[in-house]
Amino acid sequence: MSDMETRQQLLETAARHEDELEQAIGDFKQAVHRPFAIGEHVHAHISAHPIPWLVGSLLIGLWLGSRNSQRS
């Protein structure tokens, strides 16, 4: 086998491995991104409609604060 044939085979192997690596990295990014998609969805929803969340948190805070003052 000549040096050119060996070099060509090595280049083809390297290109195939590079494609496999790119596919594996893409799969990994997608697998890591999935668990955080719910958090991004909730963040987008809260950002789009903040008033109900603010009012709800205020009411919960008042309720918890009134329960604590009744115990004293």
Protein backbone atom coordinates (compact mmCIF):
# COMPACT_ATOMS: atom_id res chain seq x y z
CA MET A 1 0.00 0.00 0.00
CA SER A 2 1.42 3.38 -0.94
CA ASP A 3 1.69 6.40 1.29
CA MET A 4 -1.06 8.19 -0.68
CA GLU A 5 -3.49 5.30 -0.19
CA THR A 6 -2.71 5.14 3.52
CA ARG A 7 -3.14 8.89 3.83
CA GLN A 8 -6.47 8.77 1.96
CA GLN A 9 -7.76 6.00 4.25
CA LEU A 10 -6.71 7.96 7.33
CA LEU A 11 -8.46 11.08 6.04
CA GLU A 12 -11.65 9.11 5.36
CA THR A 13 -11.53 7.52 8.81
CA ALA A 14 -10.92 10.89 10.47
CA ALA A 15 -13.85 12.44 8.57
CA ARG A 16 -16.15 9.58 9.60
CA HIS A 17 -15.09 9.90 13.24
CA GLU A 18 -15.61 13.66 13.10
CA ASP A 19 -19.17 13.14 11.82
CA GLU A 20 -19.86 10.62 14.58
CA LEU A 21 -18.47 13.03 17.17
CA GLU A 22 -20.67 15.87 15.90
CA GLN A 23 -23.72 13.58 16.11
CA ALA A 24 -22.81 12.51 19.65
CA ILE A 25 -22.33 16.12 20.76
CA GLY A 26 -25.69 17.08 19.24
CA ASP A 27 -27.41 14.19 21.04
CA PHE A 28 -25.72 15.18 24.30
CA LYS A 29 -26.80 18.82 24.00
CA GLN A 30 -30.37 17.75 23.33
CA ALA A 31 -30.37 15.35 26.31
CA VAL A 32 -29.01 18.01 28.65
CA HIS A 33 -31.37 20.70 27.38
CA ARG A 34 -34.56 18.65 27.85
CA PRO A 35 -34.78 18.73 31.69
CA PHE A 36 -34.50 22.51 31.70
CA ALA A 37 -37.18 23.03 29.06
CA ILE A 38 -39.92 23.00 31.73
CA GLY A 39 -38.17 25.74 33.68
CA GLU A 40 -37.83 27.85 30.56
CA HIS A 41 -41.53 27.34 29.79
CA VAL A 42 -42.55 28.41 33.30
CA HIS A 43 -40.21 31.41 33.14
CA ALA A 44 -41.73 32.50 29.83
CA HIS A 45 -45.25 32.13 31.24
CA ILE A 46 -44.45 34.11 34.40
CA SER A 47 -42.70 36.80 32.35
CA ALA A 48 -45.70 37.09 30.05
CA HIS A 49 -48.22 37.34 32.94
CA PRO A 50 -46.44 38.59 36.11
CA ILE A 51 -49.42 40.22 37.88
CA PRO A 52 -51.24 37.00 38.90
CA TRP A 53 -47.98 35.56 40.22
CA LEU A 54 -47.22 38.72 42.22
CA VAL A 55 -50.73 38.85 43.69
CA GLY A 56 -50.60 35.14 44.51
CA SER A 57 -47.25 35.44 46.24
CA LEU A 58 -48.48 38.48 48.18
CA LEU A 59 -51.59 36.59 49.36
CA ILE A 60 -49.54 33.55 50.39
CA GLY A 61 -47.13 35.83 52.27
CA LEU A 62 -49.99 37.56 54.07
CA TRP A 63 -51.58 34.21 54.93
CA LEU A 64 -48.35 32.77 56.30
CA GLY A 65 -47.62 35.99 58.18
CA SER A 66 -51.05 36.02 59.80
CA ARG A 67 -50.67 32.40 60.89
CA ASN A 68 -47.39 33.22 62.61
CA SER A 69 -48.83 36.23 64.47
CA GLN A 70 -51.79 34.17 65.76
CA ARG A 71 -49.43 31.71 67.47
CA SER A 72 -47.72 34.41 69.56
